[in-house]
Amino acid sequence: MSNRVREELNTAKFGWFHIKAILVAGIGFYTDAYDLFIIGIAKPMMAIVYYPHLNGKLNRNDDLWITGVALVGTLIGQVFFGFLGDYLGRKKVYLLTLLIMITATIGQCFAASTVKGIGMVAELCIWRFILGIGIGGDYPLSATIASEYSSSKWRGAFVASVFAMQGFGILSAAIVSVVTISCFKNSIINYDINYLDYVWRIIIGFGAIPTVLTIYLRSRLPETPRFSQDVERDEAKALKNTMAVKANEADFVEDYTVSSKMDRISAKSLHRYMTFPSILRNRNLWVLFGTASTWFLLDIAFYSQNLFLPNILEGIGYNPSINLPAAKCVKAHNCPQYNLPIPPFGGNYTCTGKCAEQVYDKMFKTAAGNAITACLGTVPGYWFTVAFIDTIGRVRIQYMGFTIMTVILIILAAAITQIKAVSVWLFIVMYALTFFFANFGPNATTFVTPVELFTTKYRSTLHGISAACGKAGAIVGAFGFGQLFLSAGISTTLAILAATNFLGLCCTIFVPETKGMHLEDAALHSKSHFGQMLSSCGIEQVNPAIEDMAAENNTPAVAGLKEQKLEA
């Protein structure tokens, strides 16, 4: 990259352009979190309406599939769109992920059963899978765009601010649910509890609103100067977009030009980048292992705790289960033995009066419990990271978060009976602290670091792979820990989650610190604790990107390395 473009970006003052970029990328993450976590609030409502013959509880398999299928789609989207972001450019595929999310969110609202066709749950799962693909694509693209527009001084806070919008998404999911349930209180208690069928569709559909509002801004987002320079090889375009950032232009610049000199990512170049000169000595492979393994282990715990929060609140007695009267079999096609959903508003319940009040209270407490934990732990944790990531550093925050989460979960697992005896609220506060230190910890840093540790040509792809490993952990949490929770109970589940966080702590030694470094220098020269250990043993890790840059400039690799270090 030319020195001028690089220096202009790395020294640019934070301004209006950066704020708009945060909003464009951040609203996507707001919606991502809203859509993925609203399902934990919506599922109990679906259970009341569609599973009266199971006492208002979802069939175990349906429960796990509704929860986990979006995560499977997210994993696919992260890898696929991560690669497209490097192959076609960030701008060209960024809007597509948003359109996928909007379509799938609206589709979920109209999921329904037919007598001889696919069931409501199956249709809902199809839409949630498609939703996950769009959400997955947003991860590598938003992170890459944010990092490539940011200055060296505030890059961590800039990228973390985008990710921190997830906290507001989770909180909004709970608040929208509380408000919507309250609006339907009279209808649920005095008329028909099947009005909950309206409620869950409304709260899911609300997630499409902020996404729609972002379409125009995303369509106006220019290609990042770093991609234009390093991959498209278009100096003029890179400089033009750099000046837009530097001047803090109020509107984004449209630019649809395509360079014929693109140095595209390929399987051959990626293989060299990750394996030369050997597996042990290749710096990039071990860095990828660090970013991917820590994200995998973190998401096992983090998603398990979030997705099954309603179950845990019920298990500790904050929101106890209720007993519903048997559903009336009014017509053949809505008999429970056919395992078909019972049409709403058909008089299928004898649940009125006190019974209906219990149903309302349970749904209200489910939403309120999510709101409480979000306010106590989730949202503050994200913004503590934004405030301190560029002063404390990424790796230190990650070490701290994994350590404190491990300790808290061990205490909860070992003394859950005693803690509940003192106060259910003591358990809730301690549980909320795990969310605080997840977000003021590895949940934020695992998102930030992969985008800083690899060069422009491979940045989106390798961030997508790291994120996909995280979602693999989330899938393990949704399916594996869902079964574990149901069979082994809360205490055993919390103990295993503590062990998972401890493993994440151990794997952090493979993640380099990038605080204060220029983005290009962080991708070339940052060294993990593992790399330092190898150096002390006389084994120096190699970054093939330095070798390639030296060859391109007709300079020895060692000389090229020294020049890069001097620039840092």
Protein backbone atom coordinates (compact mmCIF):
# COMPACT_ATOMS: atom_id res chain seq x y z
CA MET A 1 0.00 0.00 0.00
CA SER A 2 1.28 3.46 -0.80
CA ASN A 3 2.66 5.30 2.21
CA ARG A 4 0.28 8.21 1.71
CA VAL A 5 -2.90 6.13 1.77
CA ARG A 6 -1.63 4.16 4.73
CA GLU A 7 -0.58 7.20 6.77
CA GLU A 8 -3.77 9.14 6.00
CA LEU A 9 -5.91 6.24 7.27
CA ASN A 10 -3.78 5.48 10.32
CA THR A 11 -3.69 9.11 11.47
CA ALA A 12 -7.24 10.18 10.52
CA LYS A 13 -9.14 11.91 13.32
CA PHE A 14 -12.37 10.34 14.51
CA GLY A 15 -15.23 12.16 12.81
CA TRP A 16 -18.65 12.04 11.18
CA PHE A 17 -17.60 9.53 8.54
CA HIS A 18 -16.52 7.08 11.25
CA ILE A 19 -19.77 7.58 13.17
CA LYS A 20 -21.82 6.76 10.07
CA ALA A 21 -19.65 3.73 9.37
CA ILE A 22 -20.22 2.47 12.94
CA LEU A 23 -23.97 2.93 12.53
CA VAL A 24 -24.05 1.17 9.16
CA ALA A 25 -22.15 -1.85 10.43
CA GLY A 26 -23.46 -1.65 14.00
CA ILE A 27 -27.15 -1.70 13.13
CA GLY A 28 -26.49 -4.92 11.29
CA PHE A 29 -25.06 -6.41 14.50
CA TYR A 30 -27.95 -4.96 16.49
CA THR A 31 -30.29 -6.89 14.24
CA ASP A 32 -28.08 -9.98 14.30
CA ALA A 33 -28.22 -10.19 18.08
CA TYR A 34 -31.91 -9.33 18.20
CA ASP A 35 -32.84 -12.07 15.75
CA LEU A 36 -30.63 -14.77 17.28
CA PHE A 37 -31.66 -14.15 20.89
CA ILE A 38 -35.35 -13.26 20.47
CA ILE A 39 -36.02 -16.91 19.82
CA GLY A 40 -35.25 -17.72 23.46
CA ILE A 41 -38.17 -15.50 24.45
CA ALA A 42 -40.46 -16.61 21.62
CA LYS A 43 -40.11 -20.37 22.18
CA PRO A 44 -42.13 -20.52 25.42
CA MET A 45 -44.96 -18.70 23.63
CA MET A 46 -44.88 -21.18 20.75
CA ALA A 47 -44.96 -24.00 23.27
CA ILE A 48 -48.10 -22.65 24.94
CA VAL A 49 -49.91 -22.26 21.61
CA TYR A 50 -48.72 -25.30 19.67
CA TYR A 51 -47.87 -27.89 22.33
CA PRO A 52 -50.72 -27.91 24.88
CA HIS A 53 -50.61 -31.72 24.91
CA LEU A 54 -47.02 -31.46 26.26
CA ASN A 55 -48.10 -29.11 29.06
CA GLY A 56 -46.95 -26.07 27.11
CA LYS A 57 -43.39 -27.30 26.56
CA LEU A 58 -41.74 -27.74 23.18
CA ASN A 59 -40.93 -31.18 21.91
CA ARG A 60 -37.23 -31.69 22.80
CA ASN A 61 -36.07 -32.12 19.19
CA ASP A 62 -38.13 -29.17 17.96
CA ASP A 63 -36.73 -27.03 20.78
CA LEU A 64 -33.14 -27.79 19.82
CA TRP A 65 -33.69 -27.36 16.08
CA ILE A 66 -35.46 -24.01 16.45
CA THR A 67 -32.59 -22.83 18.63
CA GLY A 68 -29.69 -24.24 16.65
CA VAL A 69 -30.61 -24.11 12.97
CA ALA A 70 -29.87 -20.38 12.66
CA LEU A 71 -26.41 -21.05 14.06
CA VAL A 72 -25.77 -23.63 11.34
CA GLY A 73 -26.75 -21.06 8.72
CA THR A 74 -24.54 -18.48 10.40
CA LEU A 75 -21.52 -20.78 10.20
CA ILE A 76 -22.06 -21.28 6.47
CA GLY A 77 -22.59 -17.56 5.88
CA GLN A 78 -19.40 -16.63 7.72
CA VAL A 79 -17.21 -18.86 5.57
CA PHE A 80 -19.00 -18.15 2.28
CA PHE A 81 -19.33 -14.37 2.57
CA GLY A 82 -15.94 -14.07 4.24
CA PHE A 83 -14.38 -15.52 1.10
CA LEU A 84 -16.56 -13.40 -1.20
CA GLY A 85 -15.50 -10.29 0.73
CA ASP A 86 -11.89 -10.96 -0.27
CA TYR A 87 -12.65 -12.23 -3.77
CA LEU A 88 -15.20 -9.66 -4.98
CA GLY A 89 -14.68 -6.83 -2.51
CA ARG A 90 -16.33 -5.75 0.72
CA LYS A 91 -18.84 -3.36 -0.86
CA LYS A 92 -20.23 -5.72 -3.48
CA VAL A 93 -21.53 -8.35 -1.06
CA TYR A 94 -22.25 -6.22 2.02
CA LEU A 95 -25.75 -5.16 0.95
CA LEU A 96 -26.71 -8.73 0.01
CA THR A 97 -26.36 -9.95 3.60
CA LEU A 98 -28.79 -7.27 4.74
CA LEU A 99 -31.41 -8.23 2.14
CA ILE A 100 -31.16 -11.88 3.20
CA MET A 101 -31.77 -10.93 6.83
CA ILE A 102 -34.80 -8.82 6.00
CA THR A 103 -36.40 -11.50 3.82
CA ALA A 104 -35.83 -14.28 6.35
CA THR A 105 -37.05 -12.23 9.32
CA ILE A 106 -40.33 -11.42 7.58
CA GLY A 107 -40.64 -15.04 6.45
CA GLN A 108 -40.45 -16.24 10.05
CA CYS A 109 -43.43 -14.09 10.99
CA PHE A 110 -45.66 -15.98 8.56
CA ALA A 111 -44.48 -19.52 9.30
CA ALA A 112 -47.56 -21.75 9.52
CA SER A 113 -48.71 -25.33 9.15
CA THR A 114 -50.88 -26.98 6.55
CA VAL A 115 -52.94 -30.11 7.05
CA LYS A 116 -50.99 -32.18 4.49
CA GLY A 117 -47.87 -30.07 4.08
CA ILE A 118 -44.88 -28.99 6.08
CA GLY A 119 -45.41 -28.03 9.70
CA MET A 120 -44.95 -24.65 11.32
CA VAL A 121 -41.75 -25.70 13.08
CA ALA A 122 -40.18 -27.00 9.86
CA GLU A 123 -41.05 -23.81 7.96
CA LEU A 124 -39.76 -21.68 10.82
CA CYS A 125 -36.48 -23.61 10.81
CA ILE A 126 -36.05 -23.07 7.05
CA TRP A 127 -36.42 -19.32 7.47
CA ARG A 128 -34.10 -19.29 10.49
CA PHE A 129 -31.46 -21.17 8.51
CA ILE A 130 -31.63 -18.56 5.73
CA LEU A 131 -31.54 -15.81 8.36
CA GLY A 132 -28.39 -17.36 9.79
CA ILE A 133 -26.66 -17.22 6.40
CA GLY A 134 -27.28 -13.47 6.21
CA ILE A 135 -26.21 -12.94 9.80
CA GLY A 136 -23.07 -14.99 9.23
CA GLY A 137 -22.06 -12.88 6.26
CA ASP A 138 -22.27 -9.76 8.36
CA TYR A 139 -19.55 -10.91 10.78
CA PRO A 140 -16.43 -10.87 8.57
CA LEU A 141 -17.64 -8.03 6.35
CA SER A 142 -18.56 -5.62 9.17
CA ALA A 143 -15.37 -6.35 11.09
CA THR A 144 -13.19 -5.97 8.00
CA ILE A 145 -14.82 -2.74 6.85
CA ALA A 146 -14.60 -1.21 10.34
CA SER A 147 -10.93 -2.12 10.76
CA GLU A 148 -9.92 -0.92 7.29
CA TYR A 149 -11.46 2.52 7.81
CA SER A 150 -10.14 3.06 11.35
CA SER A 151 -7.03 4.82 12.65
CA SER A 152 -4.33 3.00 14.59
CA LYS A 153 -5.06 4.88 17.81
CA TRP A 154 -8.75 3.97 18.10
CA ARG A 155 -9.06 0.89 15.90
CA GLY A 156 -9.92 -1.43 18.79
CA ALA A 157 -12.66 0.86 20.08
CA PHE A 158 -13.95 1.45 16.54
CA VAL A 159 -14.33 -2.27 15.73
CA ALA A 160 -15.58 -3.07 19.24
CA SER A 161 -18.24 -0.34 18.93
CA VAL A 162 -19.68 -2.14 15.93
CA PHE A 163 -19.79 -5.40 17.86
CA ALA A 164 -21.15 -3.69 21.00
CA MET A 165 -24.38 -2.94 19.19
CA GLN A 166 -25.20 -6.59 19.87
CA GLY A 167 -25.78 -5.62 23.49
CA PHE A 168 -28.52 -3.20 22.50
CA GLY A 169 -29.97 -5.86 20.21
CA ILE A 170 -30.22 -8.36 23.06
CA LEU A 171 -31.66 -5.72 25.41
CA SER A 172 -34.14 -4.56 22.76
CA ALA A 173 -35.31 -8.14 22.23
CA ALA A 174 -36.24 -8.30 25.90
CA ILE A 175 -37.82 -4.83 26.05
CA VAL A 176 -39.89 -5.28 22.88
CA SER A 177 -41.12 -8.58 24.30
CA VAL A 178 -42.10 -7.03 27.66
CA VAL A 179 -43.97 -4.19 25.95
CA THR A 180 -45.75 -6.44 23.43
CA ILE A 181 -46.80 -8.98 26.06
CA SER A 182 -48.11 -6.15 28.24
CA CYS A 183 -50.17 -4.80 25.34
CA PHE A 184 -51.82 -8.22 24.94
CA LYS A 185 -52.36 -8.76 28.68
CA ASN A 186 -56.12 -8.25 28.62
CA SER A 187 -56.61 -10.45 25.54
CA ILE A 188 -54.49 -13.26 26.96
CA ILE A 189 -56.11 -13.32 30.40
CA ASN A 190 -59.75 -12.53 29.56
CA TYR A 191 -60.17 -14.03 26.10
CA ASP A 192 -57.70 -16.59 24.82
CA ILE A 193 -54.09 -17.41 25.69
CA ASN A 194 -53.59 -18.30 22.03
CA TYR A 195 -53.16 -14.56 21.46
CA LEU A 196 -49.55 -15.43 22.24
CA ASP A 197 -49.41 -16.63 18.63
CA TYR A 198 -49.63 -12.97 17.63
CA VAL A 199 -47.08 -11.90 20.23
CA TRP A 200 -44.18 -14.13 19.15
CA ARG A 201 -44.68 -13.23 15.48
CA ILE A 202 -44.71 -9.49 16.26
CA ILE A 203 -41.58 -9.55 18.41
CA ILE A 204 -39.65 -11.54 15.79
CA GLY A 205 -40.83 -9.27 12.96
CA PHE A 206 -39.71 -6.15 14.82
CA GLY A 207 -36.13 -7.21 14.10
CA ALA A 208 -36.56 -6.30 10.43
CA ILE A 209 -37.28 -2.61 11.11
CA PRO A 210 -33.75 -1.33 11.88
CA THR A 211 -32.38 -3.52 9.10
CA VAL A 212 -34.66 -1.88 6.52
CA LEU A 213 -33.55 1.54 7.74
CA THR A 214 -29.92 0.62 7.00
CA ILE A 215 -30.36 -0.37 3.33
CA TYR A 216 -29.74 3.09 1.87
CA LEU A 217 -26.60 3.78 3.91
CA ARG A 218 -25.07 0.43 3.05
CA SER A 219 -25.74 0.97 -0.64
CA ARG A 220 -23.73 4.22 -0.43
CA LEU A 221 -20.72 2.74 1.37
CA PRO A 222 -17.53 2.98 -0.75
CA GLU A 223 -14.99 0.22 -1.10
CA THR A 224 -12.34 0.39 1.62
CA PRO A 225 -9.12 2.14 0.51
CA ARG A 226 -7.01 -0.74 1.78
CA PHE A 227 -8.84 -3.24 -0.44
CA SER A 228 -8.73 -0.86 -3.41
CA GLN A 229 -4.97 -0.44 -3.02
CA ASP A 230 -3.80 -3.90 -1.93
CA VAL A 231 -6.16 -6.13 -3.92
CA GLU A 232 -7.75 -4.06 -6.69
CA ARG A 233 -4.42 -2.29 -7.31
CA ASP A 234 -6.33 0.95 -7.94
CA GLU A 235 -4.28 3.76 -6.41
CA ALA A 236 -6.59 6.56 -7.57
CA LYS A 237 -9.70 4.93 -6.13
CA ALA A 238 -7.93 4.18 -2.85
CA LEU A 239 -6.75 7.77 -2.50
CA LYS A 240 -10.18 9.16 -3.38
CA ASN A 241 -11.92 7.12 -0.68
CA THR A 242 -9.15 7.90 1.80
CA MET A 243 -9.70 11.61 1.33
CA ALA A 244 -13.42 11.09 1.97
CA VAL A 245 -12.53 9.63 5.35
CA LYS A 246 -9.97 12.34 6.09
CA ALA A 247 -12.39 15.13 5.16
CA ASN A 248 -15.23 13.59 7.23
CA GLU A 249 -17.64 13.92 4.31
CA ALA A 250 -21.24 13.81 5.43
CA ASP A 251 -22.27 11.41 2.69
CA PHE A 252 -20.71 8.23 1.48
CA VAL A 253 -19.14 8.08 -1.96
CA GLU A 254 -20.61 5.83 -4.61
CA ASP A 255 -18.00 4.00 -6.65
CA TYR A 256 -18.83 0.95 -8.74
CA THR A 257 -15.65 0.80 -10.80
CA VAL A 258 -13.90 -2.56 -11.08
CA SER A 259 -10.16 -2.88 -11.61
CA SER A 260 -8.78 -5.34 -14.13
CA LYS A 261 -5.56 -5.76 -12.11
CA MET A 262 -7.09 -7.40 -9.05
CA ASP A 263 -4.76 -9.61 -7.03
CA ARG A 264 -7.55 -11.97 -5.99
CA ILE A 265 -7.34 -14.54 -3.23
CA SER A 266 -6.85 -18.09 -4.55
CA ALA A 267 -6.55 -21.55 -3.04
CA LYS A 268 -2.87 -21.64 -3.99
CA SER A 269 -2.01 -18.28 -2.44
CA LEU A 270 -4.01 -19.05 0.71
CA HIS A 271 -2.23 -22.41 1.07
CA ARG A 272 1.16 -20.67 0.90
CA TYR A 273 0.03 -17.96 3.32
CA MET A 274 -0.95 -20.59 5.90
CA THR A 275 1.78 -23.25 5.49
CA PHE A 276 5.09 -21.72 4.27
CA PRO A 277 7.85 -22.61 5.22
CA SER A 278 6.50 -25.30 7.60
CA ILE A 279 3.51 -25.83 9.85
CA LEU A 280 5.47 -25.18 13.05
CA ARG A 281 7.24 -22.07 11.73
CA ASN A 282 4.27 -20.53 9.92
CA ARG A 283 3.11 -17.63 12.04
CA ASN A 284 -0.30 -17.26 10.37
CA LEU A 285 -1.43 -20.85 10.94
CA TRP A 286 -0.82 -20.66 14.69
CA VAL A 287 -2.44 -17.25 14.92
CA LEU A 288 -5.51 -18.65 13.15
CA PHE A 289 -5.53 -21.56 15.60
CA GLY A 290 -5.50 -19.04 18.44
CA THR A 291 -8.33 -16.87 17.10
CA ALA A 292 -10.45 -19.86 16.03
CA SER A 293 -9.98 -22.00 19.17
CA THR A 294 -10.68 -19.20 21.63
CA TRP A 295 -13.79 -18.15 19.70
CA PHE A 296 -14.95 -21.79 19.54
CA LEU A 297 -14.58 -22.33 23.29
CA LEU A 298 -16.06 -18.94 24.19
CA ASP A 299 -19.18 -19.49 22.09
CA ILE A 300 -19.85 -22.91 23.61
CA ALA A 301 -20.29 -21.18 26.94
CA PHE A 302 -21.69 -17.83 25.83
CA TYR A 303 -24.43 -19.13 23.55
CA SER A 304 -25.37 -21.91 25.96
CA GLN A 305 -25.87 -19.37 28.73
CA ASN A 306 -27.89 -16.99 26.53
CA LEU A 307 -30.06 -19.42 24.59
CA PHE A 308 -31.04 -21.45 27.63
CA LEU A 309 -31.44 -18.52 30.02
CA PRO A 310 -35.24 -19.02 30.24
CA ASN A 311 -34.68 -22.67 31.20
CA ILE A 312 -32.16 -21.69 33.86
CA LEU A 313 -34.44 -19.01 35.31
CA GLU A 314 -37.17 -21.63 35.52
CA GLY A 315 -34.79 -24.14 37.09
CA ILE A 316 -33.74 -21.81 39.93
CA GLY A 317 -37.34 -20.92 40.74
CA TYR A 318 -37.46 -17.36 39.39
CA ASN A 319 -39.95 -18.33 36.71
CA PRO A 320 -41.46 -21.71 37.69
CA SER A 321 -43.22 -24.00 35.24
CA ILE A 322 -46.99 -24.10 35.05
CA ASN A 323 -49.53 -26.88 34.56
CA LEU A 324 -51.99 -26.43 31.73
CA PRO A 325 -55.32 -28.18 31.40
CA ALA A 326 -55.58 -30.67 28.56
CA ALA A 327 -56.42 -29.27 25.16
CA LYS A 328 -59.84 -29.99 23.77
CA CYS A 329 -59.94 -32.00 20.56
CA VAL A 330 -62.51 -29.94 18.67
CA LYS A 331 -61.81 -31.27 15.17
CA ALA A 332 -59.92 -34.26 13.84
CA HIS A 333 -57.13 -32.21 12.33
CA ASN A 334 -56.26 -30.47 15.60
CA CYS A 335 -56.17 -33.57 17.81
CA PRO A 336 -52.88 -33.79 19.74
CA GLN A 337 -52.33 -37.40 18.73
CA TYR A 338 -51.78 -36.23 15.14
CA ASN A 339 -48.96 -34.00 16.45
CA LEU A 340 -50.30 -31.07 14.45
CA PRO A 341 -50.43 -27.52 15.78
CA ILE A 342 -53.71 -26.40 17.23
CA PRO A 343 -55.10 -23.40 15.36
CA PRO A 344 -55.15 -20.24 17.48
CA PHE A 345 -58.41 -18.73 18.67
CA GLY A 346 -60.25 -22.01 18.22
CA GLY A 347 -61.33 -22.50 21.81
CA ASN A 348 -58.86 -25.33 22.30
CA TYR A 349 -58.02 -24.45 25.90
CA THR A 350 -59.97 -24.56 29.09
CA CYS A 351 -57.20 -22.32 30.47
CA THR A 352 -58.98 -19.21 31.78
CA GLY A 353 -58.93 -17.07 34.90
CA LYS A 354 -56.07 -18.00 37.24
CA CYS A 355 -54.61 -20.38 34.67
CA ALA A 356 -54.44 -17.63 32.03
CA GLU A 357 -52.87 -15.26 34.56
CA GLN A 358 -50.18 -17.86 35.27
CA VAL A 359 -49.46 -18.15 31.55
CA TYR A 360 -49.18 -14.37 31.21
CA ASP A 361 -46.94 -14.08 34.27
CA LYS A 362 -44.63 -16.80 32.96
CA MET A 363 -44.24 -15.14 29.56
CA PHE A 364 -43.72 -11.73 31.18
CA LYS A 365 -41.06 -13.06 33.56
CA THR A 366 -39.26 -14.83 30.72
CA ALA A 367 -38.88 -11.52 28.88
CA ALA A 368 -38.14 -9.55 32.04
CA GLY A 369 -35.45 -12.03 33.11
CA ASN A 370 -33.67 -11.52 29.80
CA ALA A 371 -33.95 -7.74 30.22
CA ILE A 372 -32.52 -7.87 33.75
CA THR A 373 -29.46 -9.90 32.77
CA ALA A 374 -28.91 -7.67 29.73
CA CYS A 375 -29.00 -4.50 31.86
CA LEU A 376 -26.82 -5.94 34.63
CA GLY A 377 -24.19 -7.62 32.51
CA THR A 378 -24.52 -7.75 28.75
CA VAL A 379 -24.74 -4.10 27.67
CA PRO A 380 -22.27 -2.62 30.22
CA GLY A 381 -19.71 -5.33 29.38
CA TYR A 382 -19.64 -4.45 25.69
CA TRP A 383 -19.04 -0.75 26.33
CA PHE A 384 -16.40 -1.34 28.98
CA THR A 385 -14.49 -3.12 26.23
CA VAL A 386 -14.95 -0.15 23.90
CA ALA A 387 -13.63 2.17 26.61
CA PHE A 388 -10.55 0.15 27.58
CA ILE A 389 -9.52 -2.04 24.64
CA ASP A 390 -7.02 0.49 23.28
CA THR A 391 -5.47 1.14 26.70
CA ILE A 392 -5.50 -2.27 28.42
CA GLY A 393 -5.07 -4.25 25.21
CA ARG A 394 -6.97 -7.08 23.54
CA VAL A 395 -5.10 -10.05 25.02
CA ARG A 396 -5.17 -8.81 28.62
CA ILE A 397 -8.91 -8.22 28.44
CA GLN A 398 -9.35 -11.71 27.00
CA TYR A 399 -7.27 -13.31 29.75
CA MET A 400 -9.23 -11.39 32.38
CA GLY A 401 -12.65 -12.30 31.00
CA PHE A 402 -11.96 -16.02 30.67
CA THR A 403 -10.46 -16.14 34.18
CA ILE A 404 -13.32 -14.39 35.98
CA MET A 405 -16.01 -16.34 34.08
CA THR A 406 -14.30 -19.59 35.05
CA VAL A 407 -14.23 -18.61 38.73
CA ILE A 408 -17.87 -17.44 38.83
CA LEU A 409 -19.18 -20.55 37.06
CA ILE A 410 -17.22 -22.82 39.43
CA ILE A 411 -18.79 -21.04 42.42
CA LEU A 412 -22.29 -21.29 40.93
CA ALA A 413 -21.85 -24.97 40.08
CA ALA A 414 -20.46 -25.88 43.50
CA ALA A 415 -22.81 -23.83 45.66
CA ILE A 416 -26.00 -23.42 43.64
CA THR A 417 -28.20 -24.85 46.41
CA GLN A 418 -26.72 -22.54 49.06
CA ILE A 419 -26.91 -19.50 46.76
CA LYS A 420 -30.57 -20.18 45.94
CA ALA A 421 -31.27 -20.59 49.66
CA VAL A 422 -29.89 -17.10 50.31
CA SER A 423 -31.70 -15.48 47.38
CA VAL A 424 -32.66 -16.28 43.82
CA TRP A 425 -31.58 -12.74 43.00
CA LEU A 426 -28.05 -13.48 44.23
CA PHE A 427 -27.86 -16.24 41.62
CA ILE A 428 -29.22 -13.93 38.92
CA VAL A 429 -26.68 -11.19 39.74
CA MET A 430 -23.75 -13.65 39.74
CA TYR A 431 -25.01 -15.19 36.51
CA ALA A 432 -25.29 -11.71 34.97
CA LEU A 433 -21.65 -11.07 35.94
CA THR A 434 -20.60 -13.91 33.65
CA PHE A 435 -22.25 -12.01 30.78
CA PHE A 436 -20.47 -8.81 31.86
CA PHE A 437 -17.04 -10.44 31.79
CA ALA A 438 -17.84 -12.32 28.59
CA ASN A 439 -18.46 -9.00 26.88
CA PHE A 440 -15.78 -7.11 28.79
CA GLY A 441 -13.63 -10.02 27.75
CA PRO A 442 -13.41 -12.68 25.05
CA ASN A 443 -16.79 -12.19 23.38
CA ALA A 444 -15.61 -8.79 22.14
CA THR A 445 -11.90 -9.50 21.74
CA THR A 446 -12.39 -12.69 19.72
CA PHE A 447 -14.31 -10.54 17.23
CA VAL A 448 -11.71 -7.76 17.10
CA THR A 449 -8.39 -9.62 16.94
CA PRO A 450 -8.87 -11.81 13.80
CA VAL A 451 -9.46 -8.76 11.65
CA GLU A 452 -6.16 -7.21 12.77
CA LEU A 453 -3.88 -10.23 12.49
CA PHE A 454 -4.06 -11.04 8.75
CA THR A 455 -3.22 -9.06 5.63
CA THR A 456 -5.83 -7.31 3.48
CA LYS A 457 -5.92 -10.03 0.82
CA TYR A 458 -6.98 -12.71 3.33
CA ARG A 459 -8.53 -10.62 6.12
CA SER A 460 -12.22 -11.25 5.46
CA THR A 461 -11.72 -14.96 4.67
CA LEU A 462 -9.73 -15.75 7.80
CA HIS A 463 -11.98 -13.65 10.03
CA GLY A 464 -14.89 -15.62 8.56
CA ILE A 465 -13.15 -18.93 9.34
CA SER A 466 -12.43 -17.80 12.91
CA ALA A 467 -16.04 -16.70 13.32
CA ALA A 468 -17.31 -19.97 11.83
CA CYS A 469 -15.31 -21.89 14.44
CA GLY A 470 -17.05 -19.74 17.01
CA LYS A 471 -20.42 -20.68 15.59
CA ALA A 472 -19.38 -24.34 15.63
CA GLY A 473 -18.96 -23.82 19.36
CA ALA A 474 -22.39 -22.18 19.52
CA ILE A 475 -23.88 -25.22 17.75
CA VAL A 476 -22.23 -27.49 20.31
CA GLY A 477 -23.75 -25.27 22.99
CA ALA A 478 -27.22 -25.26 21.46
CA PHE A 479 -27.44 -28.99 20.70
CA GLY A 480 -24.94 -30.63 23.06
CA PHE A 481 -25.56 -28.50 26.12
CA GLY A 482 -29.29 -28.45 25.43
CA GLN A 483 -29.31 -32.21 25.88
CA LEU A 484 -26.88 -31.99 28.81
CA PHE A 485 -29.02 -29.41 30.59
CA LEU A 486 -32.12 -31.56 30.24
CA SER A 487 -30.40 -34.74 31.44
CA ALA A 488 -27.68 -33.65 33.90
CA GLY A 489 -29.17 -30.52 35.44
CA ILE A 490 -27.95 -26.98 36.07
CA SER A 491 -25.02 -27.68 38.40
CA THR A 492 -23.24 -30.15 36.10
CA THR A 493 -23.84 -27.95 33.07
CA LEU A 494 -22.34 -24.91 34.81
CA ALA A 495 -19.28 -26.94 35.86
CA ILE A 496 -18.62 -28.03 32.28
CA LEU A 497 -19.06 -24.45 31.05
CA ALA A 498 -16.44 -23.39 33.61
CA ALA A 499 -14.02 -25.98 32.21
CA THR A 500 -14.73 -24.71 28.69
CA ASN A 501 -13.82 -21.16 29.68
CA PHE A 502 -10.61 -22.40 31.30
CA LEU A 503 -9.59 -24.04 28.02
CA GLY A 504 -10.27 -20.73 26.27
CA LEU A 505 -7.95 -19.06 28.75
CA CYS A 506 -5.20 -21.55 27.88
CA CYS A 507 -5.61 -21.09 24.10
CA THR A 508 -5.22 -17.31 24.39
CA ILE A 509 -1.42 -17.82 24.42
CA PHE A 510 -1.65 -18.23 20.62
CA VAL A 511 -3.23 -14.76 20.11
CA PRO A 512 -0.85 -11.80 19.54
CA GLU A 513 -1.37 -8.35 21.05
CA THR A 514 -2.06 -5.60 18.48
CA LYS A 515 -2.70 -2.58 20.71
CA GLY A 516 -1.44 0.65 19.13
CA MET A 517 0.01 -1.02 16.02
CA HIS A 518 -0.76 0.08 12.47
CA LEU A 519 -3.10 -2.43 10.84
CA GLU A 520 -0.48 -3.52 8.31
CA ASP A 521 2.17 -3.97 11.01
CA ALA A 522 -0.19 -5.94 13.23
CA ALA A 523 -0.90 -8.31 10.34
CA LEU A 524 2.80 -8.78 9.58
CA HIS A 525 4.75 -8.63 12.82
CA SER A 526 2.58 -9.09 15.92
CA LYS A 527 3.77 -12.07 17.95
CA SER A 528 1.82 -14.22 20.43
CA HIS A 529 3.11 -15.63 23.72
CA PHE A 530 3.46 -18.94 21.86
CA GLY A 531 5.60 -17.26 19.20
CA GLN A 532 7.77 -15.71 21.89
CA MET A 533 8.21 -19.12 23.52
CA LEU A 534 9.37 -20.57 20.19
CA SER A 535 11.80 -17.68 19.74
CA SER A 536 13.31 -18.39 23.16
CA CYS A 537 13.90 -21.96 21.94
CA GLY A 538 15.65 -20.70 18.81
CA ILE A 539 12.69 -21.28 16.45
CA GLU A 540 11.60 -18.16 14.56
CA GLN A 541 8.13 -18.08 13.02
CA VAL A 542 7.79 -16.76 9.47
CA ASN A 543 5.02 -14.69 7.87
CA PRO A 544 4.96 -15.55 4.13
CA ALA A 545 3.38 -12.16 3.40
CA ILE A 546 6.72 -10.52 4.24
CA GLU A 547 8.52 -12.89 1.89
CA ASP A 548 6.03 -12.09 -0.88
CA MET A 549 6.32 -8.33 -0.35
CA ALA A 550 10.10 -8.55 -0.48
CA ALA A 551 9.97 -10.59 -3.70
CA GLU A 552 7.54 -8.13 -5.29
CA ASN A 553 9.85 -5.23 -4.42
CA ASN A 554 12.99 -7.15 -5.48
CA THR A 555 14.49 -6.94 -1.99
CA PRO A 556 15.75 -9.72 0.27
CA ALA A 557 13.15 -11.06 2.69
CA VAL A 558 15.25 -10.14 5.70
CA ALA A 559 15.70 -6.60 4.44
CA GLY A 560 12.00 -6.35 3.77
CA LEU A 561 11.32 -7.49 7.33
CA LYS A 562 13.64 -4.86 8.78
CA GLU A 563 12.03 -2.11 6.72
CA GLN A 564 8.58 -3.10 7.90
CA LYS A 565 9.70 -3.09 11.53
CA LEU A 566 11.21 0.36 11.13
CA GLU A 567 7.89 1.65 9.78
CA ALA A 568 6.10 0.22 12.83
